[in-house]
Every structure is written in structure tokens, then in C-alpha cells.
Amino acid sequence: MITDKLKQLVAGEINTRINAGTGRVGQGGNSTNPSNNTLDVPLITGIATTVSQSTSDGNVIDVKLSVAGTTLNSKTLREVGLFDSSSNMLQRINFDAIGPIASDATLEIFITMEVE
């Protein structure tokens, strides 16, 4: 068992690293080897992330990525990744294809992580 305090500290470290980093989206959709350090098929890199750590328990991190439809060029997306300031991939999520996104729309991707 780890204590609530350690959960908060681990979540705080993740929060700090993601806050200093960026998000990326891509078109790859298969599972990723945990040792990979990039998306399978990167499409857009350097997406600003909005990160917040829950103040209630302190072990929940919410991340929001916003992607302008004009940058997607009628592509479909199947993966999103979070990277630290050294371009180390911290998290990758693959999903069923979404898109194409209208050029006048904004795609918002929300990721919630809980340290248990």
C-alpha cells in the first residue's frame, strides 16, 4: 500500500512534467510497446496542453488538448500522446478513429489520470 501523500507526490510529478511538455495526435491505432518514445503515425506535434491536478484528493490529473480543425486537413485521428519537455512520451492512448473534423471546429481531447 502507498499512502495518500505518496499518491499526491507522484501525481504532482506527472502534472509538472506534462505541464512543461506538449501533446501530439496521430493516425496510428494499434497498441504501443511501452519502450516506444513516439506515436505510431504522428500527425501534429507541439500541441499545448492544459493540465490541472485535482485539489480534492490530489491524486487526479486532468489534461485537455485542443486541436484546431484547420490543422487536421480532413484526417482521422486514432492516437494521442503526452510528452515531457525532453520529448519523452509519458502516455499514449489509441482509440477508434474520429474525424474528419470540420476546419472551423476545434477538437478537444480530455484525459483523466488517477494515481492509485
Protein backbone atom coordinates (compact mmCIF):
# COMPACT_ATOMS: atom_id res chain seq x y z
CA MET A 1 0.00 0.00 0.00
CA ILE A 2 1.16 3.52 -0.71
CA THR A 3 -0.06 6.43 1.35
CA ASP A 4 -2.30 9.25 0.16
CA LYS A 5 0.67 11.59 0.46
CA LEU A 6 2.78 9.50 -1.92
CA LYS A 7 -0.14 9.39 -4.39
CA GLN A 8 -0.25 13.20 -4.27
CA LEU A 9 3.52 13.48 -4.76
CA VAL A 10 3.52 11.09 -7.75
CA ALA A 11 0.55 12.91 -9.29
CA GLY A 12 2.35 16.22 -8.71
CA GLU A 13 5.44 14.97 -10.56
CA ILE A 14 3.33 13.77 -13.50
CA ASN A 15 1.48 17.08 -13.50
CA THR A 16 4.76 19.05 -13.58
CA ARG A 17 6.23 17.01 -16.43
CA ILE A 18 3.08 17.22 -18.59
CA ASN A 19 2.67 20.94 -17.86
CA ALA A 20 6.18 21.58 -19.18
CA GLY A 21 5.60 19.37 -22.22
CA THR A 22 3.23 19.07 -25.13
CA GLY A 23 0.67 16.79 -26.70
CA ARG A 24 0.64 15.11 -30.08
CA VAL A 25 -2.02 13.42 -32.17
CA GLY A 26 -1.60 10.84 -34.86
CA GLN A 27 -3.22 8.31 -37.12
CA GLY A 28 -1.77 5.08 -35.69
CA GLY A 29 -4.29 2.90 -33.91
CA ASN A 30 -2.58 -0.26 -32.72
CA SER A 31 -1.11 -0.97 -29.31
CA THR A 32 2.25 0.52 -28.43
CA ASN A 33 5.30 -1.13 -26.97
CA PRO A 34 5.93 0.58 -23.59
CA SER A 35 9.52 1.28 -24.64
CA ASN A 36 8.45 3.35 -27.69
CA ASN A 37 9.05 7.07 -27.43
CA THR A 38 6.86 8.36 -30.23
CA LEU A 39 3.40 7.94 -31.67
CA ASP A 40 2.96 5.23 -34.30
CA VAL A 41 1.93 7.68 -37.05
CA PRO A 42 2.43 11.26 -35.78
CA LEU A 43 0.34 13.90 -37.47
CA ILE A 44 0.52 17.05 -35.36
CA THR A 45 3.18 17.76 -32.75
CA GLY A 46 3.65 20.56 -30.23
CA ILE A 47 0.01 20.87 -29.13
CA ALA A 48 -0.30 22.97 -26.00
CA THR A 49 -1.77 21.12 -23.04
CA THR A 50 -3.89 22.45 -20.21
CA VAL A 51 -3.15 20.41 -17.10
CA SER A 52 -4.70 20.57 -13.65
CA GLN A 53 -4.25 18.45 -10.55
CA SER A 54 -7.36 17.75 -8.50
CA THR A 55 -7.45 19.71 -5.29
CA SER A 56 -9.90 17.32 -3.61
CA ASP A 57 -7.68 14.25 -3.27
CA GLY A 58 -4.60 15.49 -5.10
CA ASN A 59 -4.10 12.19 -6.94
CA VAL A 60 -6.14 13.00 -10.07
CA ILE A 61 -4.70 14.79 -13.09
CA ASP A 62 -6.90 16.24 -15.82
CA VAL A 63 -5.36 17.10 -19.18
CA LYS A 64 -7.03 18.92 -22.07
CA LEU A 65 -5.61 19.12 -25.60
CA SER A 66 -7.23 21.46 -28.13
CA VAL A 67 -6.60 20.95 -31.83
CA ALA A 68 -7.84 23.39 -34.47
CA GLY A 69 -9.74 21.70 -37.28
CA THR A 70 -7.72 23.65 -39.84
CA THR A 71 -4.57 21.78 -38.78
CA LEU A 72 -6.16 18.37 -39.25
CA ASN A 73 -6.63 18.64 -43.04
CA SER A 74 -9.64 16.26 -43.12
CA LYS A 75 -7.59 13.50 -41.47
CA THR A 76 -8.84 10.93 -39.00
CA LEU A 77 -7.17 10.51 -35.61
CA ARG A 78 -6.53 7.26 -33.77
CA GLU A 79 -3.94 8.16 -31.13
CA VAL A 80 -2.92 10.88 -28.72
CA GLY A 81 0.26 11.19 -26.70
CA LEU A 82 1.57 13.31 -23.85
CA PHE A 83 5.25 14.27 -23.84
CA ASP A 84 7.57 15.99 -21.39
CA SER A 85 9.89 18.88 -22.28
CA SER A 86 12.58 16.41 -23.45
CA SER A 87 10.15 14.78 -25.91
CA ASN A 88 9.85 11.61 -23.81
CA MET A 89 6.45 10.03 -24.36
CA LEU A 90 4.74 9.78 -20.98
CA GLN A 91 1.40 8.41 -22.13
CA ARG A 92 -0.18 7.18 -25.36
CA ILE A 93 -3.81 6.33 -25.88
CA ASN A 94 -5.12 4.67 -29.02
CA PHE A 95 -8.82 4.75 -29.87
CA ASP A 96 -11.32 4.13 -32.67
CA ALA A 97 -10.90 6.63 -35.49
CA ILE A 98 -12.52 10.04 -35.13
CA GLY A 99 -12.83 12.58 -37.90
CA PRO A 100 -12.64 14.18 -40.23
CA ILE A 101 -13.05 17.37 -38.19
CA ALA A 102 -14.50 20.45 -39.87
CA SER A 103 -11.93 23.17 -40.49
CA ASP A 104 -13.95 25.70 -38.48
CA ALA A 105 -14.21 23.39 -35.45
CA THR A 106 -11.90 22.69 -32.53
CA LEU A 107 -11.31 19.15 -31.34
CA GLU A 108 -10.89 18.91 -27.57
CA ILE A 109 -9.42 15.75 -26.07
CA PHE A 110 -9.76 15.21 -22.32
CA ILE A 111 -7.59 12.73 -20.43
CA THR A 112 -8.06 11.93 -16.75
CA MET A 113 -5.38 10.02 -14.85
CA GLU A 114 -5.65 8.77 -11.30
CA VAL A 115 -2.68 7.65 -9.23
CA GLU A 116 -3.75 4.66 -7.14
